[in-house]
């Protein structure tokens, strides 16, 4: 079993060393992969992160309304996470602009 692991590892290293374009998904279908990853990133940052942020704020508000002692600290954490969540598309666009 251990020798199979080493043979697989050596084979993987050989493929990366001898065919770097294929290893980085740029040889066949690299453009399609990049567009799929961009679509997933857009979906996460434009819909899922703000939705989870709003749900977190609602949850923290309900905790505060019921008199939970730790509601204040949770609300601060949720607000910080919400700010990061809403700014995520801008941060990702800025980082992509830096990368070229």
N, C-alpha and C. Protein backbone atom coordinates (compact mmCIF):
# COMPACT_ATOMS: atom_id res chain seq x y z
N UNK A 1 0.82 -1.19 0.00
CA UNK A 1 0.00 0.00 0.00
C UNK A 1 0.86 1.25 0.00
N UNK A 2 1.93 1.21 0.78
CA UNK A 2 2.81 2.36 0.87
C UNK A 2 3.56 2.60 -0.44
N UNK A 3 3.91 1.52 -1.13
CA UNK A 3 4.63 1.67 -2.40
C UNK A 3 3.71 2.27 -3.46
N UNK A 4 2.42 1.96 -3.42
CA UNK A 4 1.47 2.56 -4.36
C UNK A 4 1.40 4.07 -4.16
N UNK A 5 1.44 4.51 -2.93
CA UNK A 5 1.44 5.94 -2.63
C UNK A 5 2.66 6.62 -3.25
N UNK A 6 3.83 6.01 -3.08
CA UNK A 6 5.05 6.59 -3.62
C UNK A 6 5.05 6.60 -5.14
N UNK A 7 4.55 5.56 -5.76
CA UNK A 7 4.48 5.51 -7.23
C UNK A 7 3.54 6.60 -7.73
N UNK A 8 2.41 6.77 -7.06
CA UNK A 8 1.46 7.82 -7.44
C UNK A 8 2.07 9.20 -7.26
N UNK A 9 2.75 9.41 -6.17
CA UNK A 9 3.39 10.70 -5.91
C UNK A 9 4.46 11.01 -6.94
N UNK A 10 5.28 10.03 -7.28
CA UNK A 10 6.33 10.22 -8.29
C UNK A 10 5.70 10.50 -9.65
N UNK A 11 4.62 9.81 -9.97
CA UNK A 11 3.93 10.05 -11.23
C UNK A 11 3.35 11.45 -11.30
N UNK A 12 2.78 11.92 -10.22
CA UNK A 12 2.22 13.27 -10.17
C UNK A 12 3.31 14.33 -10.33
N UNK A 13 4.43 14.12 -9.65
CA UNK A 13 5.55 15.06 -9.76
C UNK A 13 6.09 15.06 -11.19
N UNK A 14 6.14 13.90 -11.82
CA UNK A 14 6.61 13.82 -13.21
C UNK A 14 5.69 14.57 -14.16
N UNK A 15 4.38 14.42 -13.97
CA UNK A 15 3.42 15.13 -14.83
C UNK A 15 3.56 16.63 -14.65
N UNK A 16 3.69 17.10 -13.42
CA UNK A 16 3.82 18.54 -13.16
C UNK A 16 5.13 19.05 -13.76
N UNK A 17 6.19 18.28 -13.66
CA UNK A 17 7.50 18.73 -14.16
C UNK A 17 7.56 18.70 -15.68
N UNK A 18 6.96 17.69 -16.30
CA UNK A 18 7.08 17.54 -17.75
C UNK A 18 5.98 18.25 -18.53
N UNK A 19 4.83 18.45 -17.93
CA UNK A 19 3.70 19.10 -18.62
C UNK A 19 3.10 20.18 -17.72
N UNK A 20 3.79 21.28 -17.51
CA UNK A 20 3.26 22.28 -16.57
C UNK A 20 1.96 22.92 -17.03
N UNK A 21 1.76 23.05 -18.36
CA UNK A 21 0.51 23.64 -18.83
C UNK A 21 -0.68 22.78 -18.43
N UNK A 22 -0.54 21.48 -18.57
CA UNK A 22 -1.62 20.58 -18.23
C UNK A 22 -1.84 20.56 -16.70
N UNK A 23 -0.77 20.67 -15.96
CA UNK A 23 -0.88 20.63 -14.51
C UNK A 23 -1.61 21.85 -13.97
N UNK A 24 -1.49 22.97 -14.65
CA UNK A 24 -2.15 24.19 -14.19
C UNK A 24 -3.47 24.45 -14.91
N UNK A 25 -4.01 23.42 -15.57
CA UNK A 25 -5.32 23.47 -16.24
C UNK A 25 -5.38 24.55 -17.31
N UNK A 26 -4.28 24.79 -17.98
CA UNK A 26 -4.26 25.78 -19.04
C UNK A 26 -4.13 25.14 -20.41
N UNK A 27 -3.90 23.84 -20.44
CA UNK A 27 -3.67 23.17 -21.71
C UNK A 27 -4.98 22.88 -22.42
N UNK A 28 -5.87 22.18 -21.76
CA UNK A 28 -7.15 21.83 -22.35
C UNK A 28 -8.25 22.34 -21.44
N UNK A 29 -9.04 23.27 -21.93
CA UNK A 29 -10.19 23.75 -21.17
C UNK A 29 -9.85 24.68 -20.03
N UNK A 30 -8.69 25.30 -20.04
CA UNK A 30 -8.32 26.19 -18.96
C UNK A 30 -9.22 27.41 -18.90
N UNK A 31 -9.66 27.91 -20.05
CA UNK A 31 -10.55 29.05 -20.07
C UNK A 31 -11.90 28.74 -19.46
N UNK A 32 -12.40 27.53 -19.73
CA UNK A 32 -13.68 27.12 -19.17
C UNK A 32 -13.60 26.99 -17.66
N UNK A 33 -12.49 26.46 -17.18
CA UNK A 33 -12.30 26.33 -15.74
C UNK A 33 -12.25 27.70 -15.07
N UNK A 34 -11.56 28.63 -15.69
CA UNK A 34 -11.45 29.97 -15.12
C UNK A 34 -12.81 30.66 -15.09
N UNK A 35 -13.61 30.48 -16.12
CA UNK A 35 -14.93 31.11 -16.13
C UNK A 35 -15.85 30.48 -15.09
N UNK A 36 -15.73 29.16 -14.87
CA UNK A 36 -16.55 28.52 -13.84
C UNK A 36 -16.16 29.01 -12.45
N UNK A 37 -14.86 29.13 -12.20
CA UNK A 37 -14.40 29.61 -10.90
C UNK A 37 -14.84 31.06 -10.69
N UNK A 38 -14.78 31.87 -11.74
CA UNK A 38 -15.23 33.26 -11.63
C UNK A 38 -16.72 33.33 -11.33
N UNK A 39 -17.51 32.45 -11.97
CA UNK A 39 -18.94 32.42 -11.71
C UNK A 39 -19.27 32.02 -10.29
N UNK A 40 -18.55 31.03 -9.78
CA UNK A 40 -18.77 30.60 -8.40
C UNK A 40 -18.38 31.71 -7.43
N UNK A 41 -17.27 32.39 -7.70
CA UNK A 41 -16.83 33.48 -6.83
C UNK A 41 -17.84 34.61 -6.83
N UNK A 42 -18.36 34.96 -8.02
CA UNK A 42 -19.38 36.01 -8.10
C UNK A 42 -20.63 35.61 -7.34
N UNK A 43 -21.05 34.36 -7.49
CA UNK A 43 -22.25 33.90 -6.79
C UNK A 43 -22.09 33.94 -5.29
N UNK A 44 -20.92 33.54 -4.81
CA UNK A 44 -20.69 33.56 -3.37
C UNK A 44 -20.62 34.97 -2.82
N UNK A 45 -19.88 35.84 -3.49
CA UNK A 45 -19.67 37.17 -2.94
C UNK A 45 -20.85 38.11 -3.18
N UNK A 46 -21.63 37.90 -4.22
CA UNK A 46 -22.73 38.81 -4.51
C UNK A 46 -24.05 38.37 -3.91
N UNK A 47 -24.21 37.08 -3.58
CA UNK A 47 -25.48 36.62 -3.03
C UNK A 47 -25.33 35.98 -1.66
N UNK A 48 -24.48 34.99 -1.56
CA UNK A 48 -24.43 34.18 -0.34
C UNK A 48 -23.88 34.96 0.86
N UNK A 49 -22.78 35.67 0.69
CA UNK A 49 -22.21 36.41 1.82
C UNK A 49 -23.15 37.48 2.36
N UNK A 50 -23.77 38.32 1.52
CA UNK A 50 -24.72 39.29 2.07
C UNK A 50 -25.95 38.63 2.72
N UNK A 51 -26.42 37.51 2.16
CA UNK A 51 -27.59 36.84 2.74
C UNK A 51 -27.25 36.29 4.12
N UNK A 52 -26.09 35.67 4.26
CA UNK A 52 -25.68 35.15 5.56
C UNK A 52 -25.45 36.30 6.55
N UNK A 53 -24.94 37.42 6.06
CA UNK A 53 -24.73 38.57 6.93
C UNK A 53 -26.05 39.09 7.49
N UNK A 54 -27.04 39.20 6.64
CA UNK A 54 -28.35 39.68 7.09
C UNK A 54 -28.96 38.70 8.08
N UNK A 55 -28.84 37.40 7.79
CA UNK A 55 -29.36 36.40 8.74
C UNK A 55 -28.63 36.47 10.08
N UNK A 56 -27.34 36.73 10.05
CA UNK A 56 -26.58 36.87 11.30
C UNK A 56 -27.02 38.08 12.09
N UNK A 57 -27.29 39.17 11.41
CA UNK A 57 -27.76 40.38 12.10
C UNK A 57 -29.13 40.14 12.73
N UNK A 58 -30.01 39.46 11.99
CA UNK A 58 -31.34 39.14 12.53
C UNK A 58 -31.21 38.24 13.75
N UNK A 59 -30.34 37.24 13.68
CA UNK A 59 -30.13 36.32 14.80
C UNK A 59 -29.59 37.07 16.03
N UNK A 60 -28.62 37.95 15.81
CA UNK A 60 -28.07 38.71 16.93
C UNK A 60 -29.12 39.66 17.52
N UNK A 61 -29.97 40.23 16.68
CA UNK A 61 -31.03 41.11 17.18
C UNK A 61 -32.05 40.33 18.00
N UNK A 62 -32.38 39.11 17.57
CA UNK A 62 -33.31 38.29 18.35
C UNK A 62 -32.69 37.93 19.70
N UNK A 63 -31.40 37.60 19.70
CA UNK A 63 -30.73 37.31 20.97
C UNK A 63 -30.75 38.52 21.90
N UNK A 64 -30.52 39.71 21.33
CA UNK A 64 -30.54 40.92 22.15
C UNK A 64 -31.95 41.20 22.68
N UNK A 65 -32.96 40.93 21.87
CA UNK A 65 -34.33 41.18 22.30
C UNK A 65 -34.77 40.22 23.41
N UNK A 66 -34.21 39.02 23.40
CA UNK A 66 -34.58 38.05 24.44
C UNK A 66 -33.76 38.23 25.71
N UNK A 67 -32.78 39.12 25.69
CA UNK A 67 -32.02 39.41 26.90
C UNK A 67 -30.81 38.52 27.11
N UNK A 68 -30.28 37.96 26.06
CA UNK A 68 -29.08 37.11 26.19
C UNK A 68 -27.90 37.98 26.60
N UNK A 69 -27.11 37.50 27.55
CA UNK A 69 -25.99 38.27 28.08
C UNK A 69 -24.87 38.45 27.05
N UNK A 70 -24.68 37.49 26.18
CA UNK A 70 -23.59 37.57 25.21
C UNK A 70 -24.04 38.16 23.87
N UNK A 71 -25.24 38.73 23.82
CA UNK A 71 -25.77 39.25 22.55
C UNK A 71 -24.96 40.42 22.03
N UNK A 72 -24.46 41.26 22.94
CA UNK A 72 -23.71 42.44 22.51
C UNK A 72 -22.42 42.04 21.80
N UNK A 73 -21.68 41.11 22.37
CA UNK A 73 -20.43 40.68 21.74
C UNK A 73 -20.71 39.96 20.43
N UNK A 74 -21.78 39.17 20.38
CA UNK A 74 -22.13 38.50 19.12
C UNK A 74 -22.54 39.50 18.06
N UNK A 75 -23.24 40.54 18.46
CA UNK A 75 -23.67 41.54 17.49
C UNK A 75 -22.47 42.27 16.89
N UNK A 76 -21.48 42.56 17.72
CA UNK A 76 -20.27 43.21 17.22
C UNK A 76 -19.57 42.30 16.22
N UNK A 77 -19.45 41.02 16.55
CA UNK A 77 -18.81 40.07 15.64
C UNK A 77 -19.59 39.94 14.34
N UNK A 78 -20.90 39.90 14.42
CA UNK A 78 -21.73 39.78 13.22
C UNK A 78 -21.60 41.03 12.36
N UNK A 79 -21.55 42.20 12.98
CA UNK A 79 -21.41 43.43 12.21
C UNK A 79 -20.06 43.50 11.51
N UNK A 80 -18.99 43.09 12.19
CA UNK A 80 -17.67 43.07 11.54
C UNK A 80 -17.67 42.08 10.38
N UNK A 81 -18.25 40.90 10.60
CA UNK A 81 -18.32 39.91 9.53
C UNK A 81 -19.20 40.40 8.38
N UNK A 82 -20.25 41.14 8.69
CA UNK A 82 -21.12 41.68 7.64
C UNK A 82 -20.40 42.72 6.81
N UNK A 83 -19.63 43.57 7.46
CA UNK A 83 -18.86 44.57 6.72
C UNK A 83 -17.88 43.90 5.77
N UNK A 84 -17.19 42.88 6.26
CA UNK A 84 -16.26 42.14 5.39
C UNK A 84 -17.02 41.44 4.27
N UNK A 85 -18.20 40.88 4.60
CA UNK A 85 -19.01 40.19 3.59
C UNK A 85 -19.50 41.12 2.50
N UNK A 86 -19.95 42.31 2.89
CA UNK A 86 -20.44 43.25 1.89
C UNK A 86 -19.30 43.88 1.08
N UNK A 87 -18.12 43.98 1.67
CA UNK A 87 -16.97 44.53 0.95
C UNK A 87 -16.19 43.48 0.17
N UNK A 88 -16.56 42.21 0.31
CA UNK A 88 -15.81 41.13 -0.35
C UNK A 88 -15.72 41.30 -1.87
N UNK A 89 -16.81 41.67 -2.59
CA UNK A 89 -16.65 41.86 -4.04
C UNK A 89 -15.64 42.96 -4.38
N UNK A 90 -15.62 44.02 -3.60
CA UNK A 90 -14.65 45.10 -3.85
C UNK A 90 -13.23 44.65 -3.56
N UNK A 91 -13.06 43.90 -2.46
CA UNK A 91 -11.73 43.41 -2.08
C UNK A 91 -11.21 42.44 -3.13
N UNK A 92 -12.07 41.53 -3.60
CA UNK A 92 -11.65 40.56 -4.61
C UNK A 92 -11.33 41.26 -5.92
N UNK A 93 -12.14 42.23 -6.32
CA UNK A 93 -11.84 42.99 -7.54
C UNK A 93 -10.53 43.76 -7.42
N UNK A 94 -10.26 44.31 -6.26
CA UNK A 94 -9.01 45.03 -6.06
C UNK A 94 -7.82 44.09 -6.15
N UNK A 95 -7.94 42.92 -5.51
CA UNK A 95 -6.84 41.95 -5.55
C UNK A 95 -6.63 41.41 -6.96
N UNK A 96 -7.72 41.21 -7.71
CA UNK A 96 -7.58 40.76 -9.10
C UNK A 96 -6.93 41.84 -9.95
N UNK A 97 -7.23 43.10 -9.66
CA UNK A 97 -6.60 44.19 -10.39
C UNK A 97 -5.10 44.28 -10.10
N UNK A 98 -4.72 44.01 -8.86
CA UNK A 98 -3.30 43.99 -8.52
C UNK A 98 -2.57 42.85 -9.21
N UNK A 99 -3.25 41.70 -9.33
CA UNK A 99 -2.62 40.53 -9.93
C UNK A 99 -2.52 40.67 -11.45
N UNK A 100 -3.34 41.49 -12.03
CA UNK A 100 -3.26 41.70 -13.47
C UNK A 100 -4.23 40.91 -14.17
